[in-house]
N, C-alpha and C. Protein backbone atom coordinates (compact mmCIF):
# COMPACT_ATOMS: atom_id res chain seq x y z
N MET A 1 -6.13 16.12 8.63
CA MET A 1 -6.60 14.82 8.07
C MET A 1 -5.54 13.92 7.73
N LEU A 2 -5.50 12.62 8.51
CA LEU A 2 -4.45 11.71 8.02
C LEU A 2 -4.57 11.20 6.67
N ARG A 3 -3.47 11.10 6.03
CA ARG A 3 -3.42 10.60 4.83
C ARG A 3 -2.81 9.17 4.81
N ILE A 4 -3.53 8.16 4.38
CA ILE A 4 -3.29 6.65 4.49
C ILE A 4 -3.08 6.07 3.16
N ALA A 5 -2.09 5.20 3.00
CA ALA A 5 -1.88 4.53 1.74
C ALA A 5 -1.62 3.13 1.94
N TYR A 6 -2.20 2.22 1.41
CA TYR A 6 -1.79 0.68 1.55
C TYR A 6 -2.13 0.17 0.19
N THR A 7 -1.68 -1.17 0.04
CA THR A 7 -1.62 -2.00 -1.11
C THR A 7 -3.23 -2.51 -1.37
N PRO A 8 -3.41 -2.93 -2.65
CA PRO A 8 -4.83 -3.42 -2.78
C PRO A 8 -4.81 -5.00 -2.31
N ASP A 9 -3.53 -5.54 -1.65
CA ASP A 9 -3.53 -6.90 -1.08
C ASP A 9 -4.79 -7.10 -0.15
N SER A 10 -5.19 -8.21 -0.11
CA SER A 10 -6.42 -8.48 0.74
C SER A 10 -6.17 -8.14 2.20
N ASP A 11 -4.82 -8.62 2.76
CA ASP A 11 -4.75 -8.13 4.20
C ASP A 11 -4.63 -6.65 4.34
N ASP A 12 -4.06 -5.85 3.44
CA ASP A 12 -4.11 -4.48 3.76
C ASP A 12 -5.55 -3.96 3.70
N VAL A 13 -6.48 -4.40 2.64
CA VAL A 13 -7.54 -4.03 2.55
C VAL A 13 -8.43 -4.25 3.68
N PHE A 14 -8.21 -5.27 4.22
CA PHE A 14 -8.97 -5.67 5.69
C PHE A 14 -8.61 -4.68 6.76
N ASN A 15 -7.29 -4.36 6.86
CA ASN A 15 -6.90 -3.64 7.99
C ASN A 15 -7.64 -2.11 7.97
N TYR A 16 -7.89 -1.61 6.88
CA TYR A 16 -8.47 -0.29 6.55
C TYR A 16 -9.86 -0.36 6.16
N TYR A 17 -10.47 -1.43 5.80
CA TYR A 17 -11.74 -1.23 5.27
C TYR A 17 -12.93 -0.69 6.22
N ALA A 18 -13.08 -1.07 7.46
CA ALA A 18 -13.97 -0.61 8.38
C ALA A 18 -13.83 1.12 8.62
N TRP A 19 -12.63 1.41 8.78
CA TRP A 19 -12.37 2.92 8.90
C TRP A 19 -12.83 3.72 7.48
N GLU A 20 -12.04 3.10 6.24
CA GLU A 20 -12.50 3.84 5.17
C GLU A 20 -13.86 3.80 4.67
N HIS A 21 -14.56 2.70 5.07
CA HIS A 21 -15.97 2.78 4.52
C HIS A 21 -16.92 3.19 5.81
N ASP A 22 -16.58 4.04 6.71
CA ASP A 22 -17.38 4.55 7.99
C ASP A 22 -18.21 3.32 8.70
N ARG A 23 -17.59 2.20 8.76
CA ARG A 23 -18.19 1.13 9.55
C ARG A 23 -17.95 1.41 11.07
N ILE A 24 -16.76 2.07 11.38
CA ILE A 24 -16.62 2.49 12.58
C ILE A 24 -16.26 4.10 12.48
N THR A 25 -16.30 4.80 13.59
CA THR A 25 -16.27 6.29 13.70
C THR A 25 -14.92 6.67 14.28
N LEU A 26 -13.98 7.05 13.29
CA LEU A 26 -12.53 7.54 13.92
C LEU A 26 -12.43 8.78 13.38
N ASP A 27 -11.26 9.44 13.61
CA ASP A 27 -10.94 10.62 13.04
C ASP A 27 -10.92 10.48 11.47
N PRO A 28 -11.38 11.63 10.84
CA PRO A 28 -11.23 11.54 9.31
C PRO A 28 -9.87 11.10 8.85
N ALA A 29 -9.84 10.34 7.64
CA ALA A 29 -8.69 10.21 6.91
C ALA A 29 -8.89 9.96 5.67
N GLU A 30 -8.00 10.23 4.73
CA GLU A 30 -7.87 10.28 3.35
C GLU A 30 -7.30 8.92 2.89
N PHE A 31 -7.82 8.13 2.08
CA PHE A 31 -7.21 6.67 1.76
C PHE A 31 -6.84 6.50 0.35
N GLN A 32 -5.62 5.86 0.12
CA GLN A 32 -5.28 5.70 -1.31
C GLN A 32 -4.60 4.38 -1.30
N ARG A 33 -4.81 3.59 -2.57
CA ARG A 33 -4.20 2.41 -2.59
C ARG A 33 -3.07 2.54 -3.79
N GLY A 34 -2.10 1.72 -3.68
CA GLY A 34 -1.11 1.64 -4.72
C GLY A 34 -0.38 0.37 -4.55
N HIS A 35 0.52 0.15 -5.65
CA HIS A 35 1.36 -0.98 -5.94
C HIS A 35 2.64 -0.68 -4.69
N ILE A 36 3.09 -1.85 -4.37
CA ILE A 36 3.90 -1.65 -3.15
C ILE A 36 5.12 -0.76 -3.62
N SER A 37 5.76 -0.97 -4.69
CA SER A 37 6.90 -0.18 -5.01
C SER A 37 6.56 1.39 -5.15
N GLU A 38 5.40 1.81 -5.57
CA GLU A 38 4.91 3.08 -5.43
C GLU A 38 4.66 3.66 -4.10
N LEU A 39 4.04 2.76 -3.23
CA LEU A 39 4.12 3.25 -1.77
C LEU A 39 5.44 3.25 -1.23
N ASN A 40 6.41 2.30 -1.56
CA ASN A 40 7.76 2.62 -0.87
C ASN A 40 8.40 3.78 -1.31
N GLN A 41 8.23 4.33 -2.61
CA GLN A 41 8.70 5.42 -3.04
C GLN A 41 7.97 6.74 -2.42
N ALA A 42 6.70 6.60 -2.21
CA ALA A 42 6.04 7.45 -1.58
C ALA A 42 6.35 7.80 -0.09
N ALA A 43 6.57 6.76 0.47
CA ALA A 43 7.24 6.70 2.01
C ALA A 43 8.58 7.39 2.00
N LEU A 44 9.50 7.21 1.10
CA LEU A 44 10.64 7.73 1.03
C LEU A 44 10.52 9.42 0.97
N GLU A 45 9.51 9.82 0.27
CA GLU A 45 9.22 11.11 0.04
C GLU A 45 8.32 11.76 1.06
N GLU A 46 7.92 10.95 2.02
CA GLU A 46 6.91 11.07 3.20
C GLU A 46 5.59 11.85 2.56
N SER A 47 5.06 11.01 1.58
CA SER A 47 3.85 11.72 0.90
C SER A 47 2.48 11.42 1.92
N TYR A 48 2.88 10.35 2.67
CA TYR A 48 1.62 9.96 3.62
C TYR A 48 1.95 9.91 5.00
N ASP A 49 0.96 9.89 5.84
CA ASP A 49 1.10 9.80 7.23
C ASP A 49 1.19 8.44 7.79
N VAL A 50 0.57 7.47 7.21
CA VAL A 50 0.55 6.30 7.29
C VAL A 50 0.65 5.35 5.99
N VAL A 51 1.58 4.55 5.83
CA VAL A 51 1.88 3.96 4.54
C VAL A 51 2.38 2.30 4.66
N ALA A 52 1.97 1.78 3.77
CA ALA A 52 2.39 0.27 3.78
C ALA A 52 3.88 0.42 3.16
N PHE A 53 4.76 -0.51 3.65
CA PHE A 53 6.09 -0.56 3.15
C PHE A 53 6.73 -1.81 3.20
N SER A 54 7.72 -2.05 2.42
CA SER A 54 8.35 -3.48 2.30
C SER A 54 9.41 -3.45 3.38
N SER A 55 9.45 -4.51 4.20
CA SER A 55 10.28 -4.73 5.53
C SER A 55 11.91 -4.70 5.11
N ALA A 56 12.06 -5.35 4.10
CA ALA A 56 13.49 -5.35 3.72
C ALA A 56 14.30 -3.93 3.57
N VAL A 57 13.70 -2.98 3.28
CA VAL A 57 14.24 -1.77 3.10
C VAL A 57 13.78 -0.67 4.18
N PHE A 58 13.19 -1.28 5.34
CA PHE A 58 12.63 -0.23 6.32
C PHE A 58 13.87 0.56 7.01
N PRO A 59 15.14 0.06 7.07
CA PRO A 59 16.21 0.79 7.56
C PRO A 59 16.39 2.15 6.83
N LEU A 60 15.89 2.25 5.62
CA LEU A 60 16.06 3.59 4.83
C LEU A 60 15.11 4.55 5.47
N LEU A 61 14.19 4.15 6.25
CA LEU A 61 13.12 5.10 6.96
C LEU A 61 13.01 5.07 8.50
N ALA A 62 13.90 4.34 9.04
CA ALA A 62 13.85 4.25 10.47
C ALA A 62 13.93 5.44 11.28
N ASP A 63 14.59 6.33 10.56
CA ASP A 63 14.74 7.67 11.57
C ASP A 63 13.56 8.49 11.33
N ARG A 64 12.57 8.22 10.38
CA ARG A 64 11.52 9.14 10.00
C ARG A 64 10.03 8.51 10.44
N PHE A 65 10.10 7.20 10.41
CA PHE A 65 8.77 6.44 10.79
C PHE A 65 8.85 5.46 11.80
N TRP A 66 7.69 5.23 12.56
CA TRP A 66 7.53 4.07 13.51
C TRP A 66 6.90 2.78 12.76
N ILE A 67 6.91 1.84 13.13
CA ILE A 67 6.28 0.67 12.80
C ILE A 67 4.94 0.58 13.82
N LEU A 68 3.74 0.43 12.91
CA LEU A 68 2.64 0.24 13.65
C LEU A 68 2.51 -1.06 14.29
N ALA A 69 1.93 -1.17 15.34
CA ALA A 69 1.70 -2.48 16.06
C ALA A 69 0.82 -3.56 15.49
N THR A 70 0.01 -3.14 14.55
CA THR A 70 -0.77 -4.00 13.85
C THR A 70 -0.56 -3.95 12.39
N GLY A 71 -1.16 -4.93 11.49
CA GLY A 71 -1.33 -4.73 10.21
C GLY A 71 0.00 -5.20 9.49
N ASN A 72 0.95 -5.65 10.09
CA ASN A 72 2.25 -6.13 9.53
C ASN A 72 2.19 -7.55 8.85
N SER A 73 2.89 -7.66 7.75
CA SER A 73 2.93 -9.16 7.25
C SER A 73 4.16 -9.80 7.72
N VAL A 74 4.07 -11.10 8.22
CA VAL A 74 5.07 -11.71 8.57
C VAL A 74 4.98 -13.25 8.02
N GLY A 75 5.75 -13.66 7.17
CA GLY A 75 5.73 -14.94 6.45
C GLY A 75 6.49 -15.95 7.37
N ARG A 76 5.67 -17.03 7.72
CA ARG A 76 6.22 -18.35 8.49
C ARG A 76 6.26 -19.31 7.39
N SER A 77 7.35 -19.42 6.69
CA SER A 77 7.57 -20.17 5.42
C SER A 77 6.57 -19.64 4.37
N PHE A 78 6.14 -18.55 4.30
CA PHE A 78 5.31 -18.15 3.42
C PHE A 78 5.69 -16.66 2.86
N GLY A 79 5.73 -16.34 1.76
CA GLY A 79 6.08 -14.94 1.28
C GLY A 79 6.57 -15.04 -0.26
N PRO A 80 7.47 -14.22 -0.68
CA PRO A 80 7.62 -14.21 -2.07
C PRO A 80 8.44 -15.46 -2.46
N VAL A 81 7.85 -15.82 -3.86
CA VAL A 81 8.16 -16.98 -4.60
C VAL A 81 8.58 -16.72 -5.96
N LEU A 82 9.85 -17.45 -6.34
CA LEU A 82 10.35 -17.27 -7.57
C LEU A 82 9.83 -18.43 -8.44
N ALA A 83 9.34 -18.09 -9.53
CA ALA A 83 8.75 -18.81 -10.53
C ALA A 83 9.03 -18.65 -11.83
N SER A 84 8.99 -19.75 -12.73
CA SER A 84 9.56 -19.91 -14.08
C SER A 84 8.60 -20.72 -14.84
N LYS A 85 8.80 -20.40 -16.07
CA LYS A 85 7.98 -21.61 -17.07
C LYS A 85 9.06 -22.65 -17.55
N ARG A 86 10.16 -22.31 -17.64
CA ARG A 86 11.13 -23.15 -18.09
C ARG A 86 12.27 -23.86 -17.11
N TYR A 87 12.53 -23.01 -16.08
CA TYR A 87 13.61 -23.45 -15.20
C TYR A 87 12.97 -23.88 -13.95
N CYS A 88 13.79 -24.64 -13.28
CA CYS A 88 13.38 -25.23 -11.90
C CYS A 88 14.33 -24.94 -10.81
N SER A 89 15.55 -24.49 -10.89
CA SER A 89 16.44 -23.98 -10.00
C SER A 89 16.99 -22.63 -9.96
N THR A 90 17.38 -22.05 -9.02
CA THR A 90 18.11 -20.69 -8.99
C THR A 90 19.29 -20.71 -9.88
N ALA A 91 20.06 -21.96 -9.79
CA ALA A 91 21.38 -21.86 -10.49
C ALA A 91 21.14 -21.79 -12.10
N GLU A 92 20.04 -22.08 -12.57
CA GLU A 92 19.77 -22.10 -14.00
C GLU A 92 19.59 -20.39 -14.37
N LEU A 93 19.65 -19.50 -13.35
CA LEU A 93 19.16 -18.23 -13.81
C LEU A 93 20.42 -17.18 -14.12
N HIS A 94 21.75 -18.05 -14.14
CA HIS A 94 22.86 -17.03 -14.52
C HIS A 94 22.49 -16.42 -15.87
N GLY A 95 22.70 -15.08 -15.65
CA GLY A 95 22.39 -14.25 -17.06
C GLY A 95 21.14 -14.12 -17.45
N LYS A 96 20.27 -14.77 -16.80
CA LYS A 96 18.80 -14.71 -17.27
C LYS A 96 18.03 -13.45 -16.63
N ARG A 97 16.83 -13.09 -17.32
CA ARG A 97 16.17 -11.94 -16.89
C ARG A 97 15.15 -12.49 -16.08
N VAL A 98 15.08 -11.73 -14.85
CA VAL A 98 14.21 -11.99 -13.57
C VAL A 98 13.51 -10.84 -13.32
N VAL A 99 12.20 -10.88 -13.30
CA VAL A 99 11.36 -9.70 -13.00
C VAL A 99 10.93 -9.67 -11.45
N VAL A 100 11.05 -8.42 -10.96
CA VAL A 100 10.52 -8.24 -9.47
C VAL A 100 9.59 -7.04 -9.54
N ALA A 101 8.61 -6.86 -8.53
CA ALA A 101 7.86 -5.86 -8.42
C ALA A 101 8.51 -4.55 -8.05
N GLY A 102 9.88 -4.60 -7.65
CA GLY A 102 10.46 -3.38 -7.57
C GLY A 102 11.77 -3.66 -6.72
N THR A 103 12.83 -3.10 -7.03
CA THR A 103 14.19 -3.46 -6.34
C THR A 103 14.08 -3.16 -4.96
N LEU A 104 13.25 -2.16 -4.50
CA LEU A 104 13.17 -1.68 -3.13
C LEU A 104 11.86 -2.39 -2.45
N THR A 105 11.70 -3.76 -2.94
CA THR A 105 10.54 -4.50 -2.16
C THR A 105 11.37 -5.56 -1.61
N THR A 106 10.53 -6.40 -0.65
CA THR A 106 11.18 -7.33 0.11
C THR A 106 11.62 -8.43 -0.92
N GLY A 107 10.78 -8.88 -1.78
CA GLY A 107 11.09 -9.85 -2.74
C GLY A 107 12.28 -9.33 -3.78
N GLY A 108 12.11 -8.03 -4.02
CA GLY A 108 13.27 -7.58 -4.85
C GLY A 108 14.58 -7.40 -4.17
N VAL A 109 14.72 -7.42 -2.78
CA VAL A 109 15.99 -7.49 -2.14
C VAL A 109 16.52 -8.96 -1.91
N LEU A 110 15.39 -9.84 -1.86
CA LEU A 110 15.79 -11.38 -1.72
C LEU A 110 16.31 -12.02 -2.93
N ALA A 111 15.67 -11.58 -4.07
CA ALA A 111 15.90 -12.11 -5.41
C ALA A 111 17.45 -12.12 -5.55
N PRO A 112 18.25 -11.04 -5.42
CA PRO A 112 19.55 -10.91 -5.86
C PRO A 112 20.51 -11.95 -4.63
N MET A 113 19.98 -12.02 -3.58
CA MET A 113 20.50 -12.70 -2.52
C MET A 113 20.74 -14.30 -3.00
N TYR A 114 19.48 -14.67 -3.62
CA TYR A 114 19.51 -16.20 -4.02
C TYR A 114 19.63 -16.38 -5.40
N CYS A 115 19.79 -15.44 -6.19
CA CYS A 115 20.08 -15.53 -7.64
C CYS A 115 20.93 -14.47 -8.12
N PRO A 116 22.35 -14.43 -7.51
CA PRO A 116 23.22 -13.29 -7.66
C PRO A 116 23.62 -13.03 -9.14
N GLU A 117 23.46 -14.01 -9.91
CA GLU A 117 23.93 -13.89 -11.36
C GLU A 117 22.86 -13.37 -12.25
N ALA A 118 21.64 -13.39 -11.92
CA ALA A 118 20.71 -12.96 -12.69
C ALA A 118 20.63 -11.45 -12.97
N GLN A 119 19.91 -10.94 -14.15
CA GLN A 119 19.63 -9.66 -14.47
C GLN A 119 18.35 -9.33 -13.97
N PHE A 120 17.92 -8.23 -13.17
CA PHE A 120 16.67 -7.89 -12.65
C PHE A 120 15.95 -6.78 -13.24
N VAL A 121 14.80 -6.90 -13.48
CA VAL A 121 13.94 -6.02 -14.19
C VAL A 121 12.53 -5.83 -13.34
N GLU A 122 12.20 -4.48 -13.32
CA GLU A 122 11.01 -4.26 -12.46
C GLU A 122 9.88 -4.12 -13.28
N MET A 123 8.82 -4.65 -12.67
CA MET A 123 7.40 -4.45 -13.46
C MET A 123 6.38 -4.74 -12.33
N PRO A 124 5.17 -4.12 -12.51
CA PRO A 124 4.00 -4.32 -11.47
C PRO A 124 3.63 -5.81 -11.14
N TYR A 125 3.69 -6.14 -10.00
CA TYR A 125 3.44 -7.64 -9.57
C TYR A 125 2.31 -8.22 -10.48
N THR A 126 1.37 -7.58 -10.74
CA THR A 126 0.15 -8.09 -11.35
C THR A 126 0.54 -8.60 -12.82
N ARG A 127 1.59 -8.11 -13.33
CA ARG A 127 1.83 -8.41 -14.69
C ARG A 127 3.01 -9.53 -14.79
N ILE A 128 3.80 -9.78 -13.66
CA ILE A 128 4.74 -10.63 -13.85
C ILE A 128 4.53 -12.05 -14.37
N ALA A 129 3.65 -12.72 -13.73
CA ALA A 129 3.13 -14.02 -14.34
C ALA A 129 2.86 -14.19 -15.84
N ASP A 130 2.15 -13.03 -16.36
CA ASP A 130 1.74 -13.02 -17.81
C ASP A 130 3.11 -12.83 -18.59
N ALA A 131 4.09 -11.97 -18.05
CA ALA A 131 5.26 -11.61 -18.77
C ALA A 131 6.10 -13.06 -18.91
N ILE A 132 6.13 -13.81 -17.84
CA ILE A 132 6.79 -15.19 -17.79
C ILE A 132 6.11 -16.12 -19.11
N LEU A 133 4.84 -16.04 -18.93
CA LEU A 133 4.03 -16.99 -20.07
C LEU A 133 4.36 -16.41 -21.40
N ARG A 134 4.59 -15.33 -21.59
CA ARG A 134 4.87 -14.69 -23.07
C ARG A 134 6.40 -14.54 -23.13
N ASP A 135 7.25 -14.98 -22.49
CA ASP A 135 8.67 -15.13 -22.55
C ASP A 135 9.30 -13.90 -22.52
N GLU A 136 8.64 -12.96 -22.03
CA GLU A 136 9.26 -11.50 -21.80
C GLU A 136 10.40 -11.50 -20.94
N CYS A 137 10.42 -12.76 -19.93
CA CYS A 137 11.32 -12.84 -18.96
C CYS A 137 11.53 -14.46 -18.80
N ASP A 138 12.51 -14.69 -17.98
CA ASP A 138 12.90 -16.06 -17.58
C ASP A 138 12.31 -16.51 -16.34
N ALA A 139 11.97 -15.61 -15.39
CA ALA A 139 11.45 -16.09 -14.10
C ALA A 139 10.95 -14.69 -13.41
N GLY A 140 10.23 -14.95 -12.46
CA GLY A 140 9.80 -13.66 -11.63
C GLY A 140 9.33 -13.88 -10.30
N VAL A 141 9.42 -12.89 -9.47
CA VAL A 141 8.96 -12.98 -8.17
C VAL A 141 7.43 -12.53 -7.83
N MET A 142 6.86 -13.66 -7.44
CA MET A 142 5.36 -13.64 -7.15
C MET A 142 5.20 -13.12 -5.79
N ILE A 143 4.48 -12.27 -5.53
CA ILE A 143 3.87 -11.47 -4.26
C ILE A 143 2.34 -11.51 -4.23
N HIS A 144 2.10 -11.08 -3.01
CA HIS A 144 0.44 -10.79 -2.90
C HIS A 144 -0.26 -12.08 -3.33
N GLU A 145 -1.37 -12.00 -3.89
CA GLU A 145 -2.12 -12.97 -4.47
C GLU A 145 -1.77 -13.74 -5.60
N GLU A 146 -0.62 -13.23 -6.14
CA GLU A 146 0.12 -13.86 -7.30
C GLU A 146 0.67 -15.33 -6.87
N ILE A 147 0.98 -15.16 -5.43
CA ILE A 147 1.73 -16.28 -5.09
C ILE A 147 0.39 -17.74 -5.03
N PHE A 148 -0.80 -17.49 -4.96
CA PHE A 148 -1.88 -18.46 -5.17
C PHE A 148 -2.19 -18.74 -6.57
N HIS A 149 -1.96 -17.72 -7.54
CA HIS A 149 -2.43 -17.89 -8.76
C HIS A 149 -1.39 -18.44 -9.76
N PHE A 150 -0.08 -18.20 -9.56
CA PHE A 150 0.87 -18.81 -10.61
C PHE A 150 0.81 -20.39 -10.79
N PRO A 151 0.61 -21.08 -9.80
CA PRO A 151 0.60 -22.65 -10.08
C PRO A 151 -0.59 -23.08 -10.92
N LYS A 152 -1.75 -22.16 -10.87
CA LYS A 152 -2.70 -22.44 -11.85
C LYS A 152 -2.34 -22.19 -13.43
N LEU A 153 -1.31 -21.52 -13.55
CA LEU A 153 -0.71 -21.08 -14.99
C LEU A 153 0.43 -22.21 -15.32
N ASN A 154 0.53 -23.34 -14.48
CA ASN A 154 1.60 -24.19 -14.68
C ASN A 154 3.00 -23.74 -14.88
N LEU A 155 3.32 -22.49 -13.81
CA LEU A 155 4.62 -22.10 -13.66
C LEU A 155 5.38 -22.91 -12.50
N ASN A 156 6.57 -23.21 -12.57
CA ASN A 156 7.32 -23.92 -11.63
C ASN A 156 7.66 -23.14 -10.47
N ARG A 157 7.39 -23.50 -9.36
CA ARG A 157 8.05 -22.85 -8.00
C ARG A 157 9.60 -23.19 -8.00
N MET A 158 10.30 -22.24 -8.14
CA MET A 158 11.92 -22.44 -8.26
C MET A 158 12.38 -22.27 -6.80
N CYS A 159 11.81 -21.43 -6.06
CA CYS A 159 12.22 -21.03 -4.67
C CYS A 159 11.33 -20.21 -3.97
N SER A 160 11.16 -20.71 -2.58
CA SER A 160 10.15 -19.86 -1.73
C SER A 160 11.04 -19.23 -0.91
N PHE A 161 11.25 -17.88 -1.06
CA PHE A 161 12.38 -17.15 -0.23
C PHE A 161 11.97 -17.07 0.97
N ALA A 162 10.70 -17.10 1.48
CA ALA A 162 10.66 -17.15 3.09
C ALA A 162 10.87 -18.34 3.37
N GLN A 163 10.53 -19.54 2.72
CA GLN A 163 11.08 -20.77 3.31
C GLN A 163 12.49 -20.92 3.57
N VAL A 164 13.23 -20.70 2.35
CA VAL A 164 14.84 -20.57 2.56
C VAL A 164 15.25 -19.80 3.50
N TRP A 165 14.73 -18.55 3.85
CA TRP A 165 14.91 -17.56 4.73
C TRP A 165 14.97 -18.18 6.15
N GLN A 166 13.63 -18.76 6.31
CA GLN A 166 13.41 -19.43 7.61
C GLN A 166 14.26 -20.80 7.85
N GLU A 167 14.67 -21.45 7.01
CA GLU A 167 15.82 -22.55 7.08
C GLU A 167 17.26 -22.16 7.28
N GLU A 168 17.38 -20.98 6.82
CA GLU A 168 18.79 -20.54 7.10
C GLU A 168 18.99 -19.75 8.35
N THR A 169 17.92 -19.11 8.59
CA THR A 169 18.07 -18.21 9.89
C THR A 169 17.29 -18.73 11.25
N GLY A 170 16.16 -19.49 10.82
CA GLY A 170 15.50 -19.97 11.93
C GLY A 170 14.37 -18.98 12.26
N LEU A 171 14.39 -17.99 11.51
CA LEU A 171 13.40 -16.83 11.81
C LEU A 171 12.39 -16.78 10.63
N SER A 172 11.17 -16.39 11.17
CA SER A 172 10.23 -15.85 10.00
C SER A 172 10.63 -14.62 9.34
N LEU A 173 10.05 -14.55 8.12
CA LEU A 173 10.43 -13.51 7.17
C LEU A 173 9.38 -12.33 7.37
N PRO A 174 9.97 -11.11 7.78
CA PRO A 174 9.06 -9.80 7.76
C PRO A 174 8.84 -9.43 6.42
N VAL A 175 7.70 -9.39 5.84
CA VAL A 175 7.44 -9.10 4.49
C VAL A 175 7.16 -7.56 4.13
N GLY A 176 5.95 -7.17 5.01
CA GLY A 176 5.59 -5.78 4.62
C GLY A 176 5.06 -5.18 6.07
N LEU A 177 5.20 -3.94 6.18
CA LEU A 177 4.95 -3.18 7.48
C LEU A 177 3.74 -2.04 7.14
N ASN A 178 3.36 -1.58 8.10
CA ASN A 178 2.55 -0.45 8.10
C ASN A 178 3.20 0.52 9.06
N LEU A 179 3.74 1.75 8.45
CA LEU A 179 4.45 2.92 9.07
C LEU A 179 3.63 4.00 9.43
N VAL A 180 4.08 4.71 10.34
CA VAL A 180 3.42 6.07 10.64
C VAL A 180 4.55 7.15 10.77
N ARG A 181 4.30 8.25 10.31
CA ARG A 181 5.50 9.16 10.32
C ARG A 181 5.57 9.67 11.78
N LYS A 182 6.97 9.71 12.16
CA LYS A 182 7.24 10.31 13.50
C LYS A 182 6.80 11.81 13.72
N LYS A 183 6.73 12.56 12.66
CA LYS A 183 6.45 14.03 12.70
C LYS A 183 5.09 14.25 13.30
N LEU A 184 4.34 13.18 13.29
CA LEU A 184 2.79 13.42 13.98
C LEU A 184 3.01 13.32 15.47
N GLY A 185 4.07 12.77 15.83
CA GLY A 185 4.26 12.68 17.45
C GLY A 185 3.59 11.45 17.88
N LYS A 186 3.55 11.28 19.17
CA LYS A 186 2.75 10.19 19.76
C LYS A 186 1.22 10.38 19.86
N CYS A 187 0.57 10.72 18.86
CA CYS A 187 -0.60 11.13 19.04
C CYS A 187 -1.67 9.85 19.02
N ASN A 188 -2.64 9.97 19.48
CA ASN A 188 -3.78 8.91 19.65
C ASN A 188 -4.78 9.31 18.62
N ILE A 189 -5.20 8.25 17.86
CA ILE A 189 -6.45 8.32 16.86
C ILE A 189 -7.46 7.94 17.86
N SER A 190 -8.70 8.91 18.04
CA SER A 190 -9.62 8.77 18.92
C SER A 190 -10.84 8.18 18.30
N ARG A 191 -11.54 7.38 19.22
CA ARG A 191 -12.90 6.99 18.60
C ARG A 191 -13.79 7.96 19.11
N LYS A 192 -14.63 8.45 18.16
CA LYS A 192 -15.49 9.47 18.46
C LYS A 192 -17.04 8.91 19.09
N THR A 193 -17.37 9.37 20.09
CA THR A 193 -18.64 9.02 20.60
C THR A 193 -19.89 9.49 19.86
N PRO A 194 -20.84 8.79 19.51
CA PRO A 194 -21.99 9.33 18.77
C PRO A 194 -22.72 10.41 19.51
């Protein structure tokens, strides 16, 4: 039985919903959801056969996993956003505490590139906006649905990492991947006939 892990983000849920809820008949699988930093660690430990993973750190797994052809997230001027209650530019974050969902996430890799003098702290992405509002940190990297939620909390958009990335490189930002273990071989998941 395949072991599959993905984030509770809506696009990941969409990718596996029909299979997980028996709307289609495929080989049996066991499904697990988790925070992206948890899944990144699980992938490093090869805990799952198919797993969501942050694109920025894929080179750590390239010898053990293939990238699936579907279900990957690519931001075309859309992706991790740096937000703050008090600050408006990345230059103001020298020595300030910036929260990321994990240092081995795409947002966690991009944040030091664009805010090299900040101090980085890890926290589940669902708690970051509230931590900024409570002054537990000075800024935070918004990912997943939090990208749509933080403006409603009157937090400032300091930097869209995907937009800056695209302006600097001319390329879209690969945000998240769905990976499959190479140890499985080039097997085919088969559709069963009723």
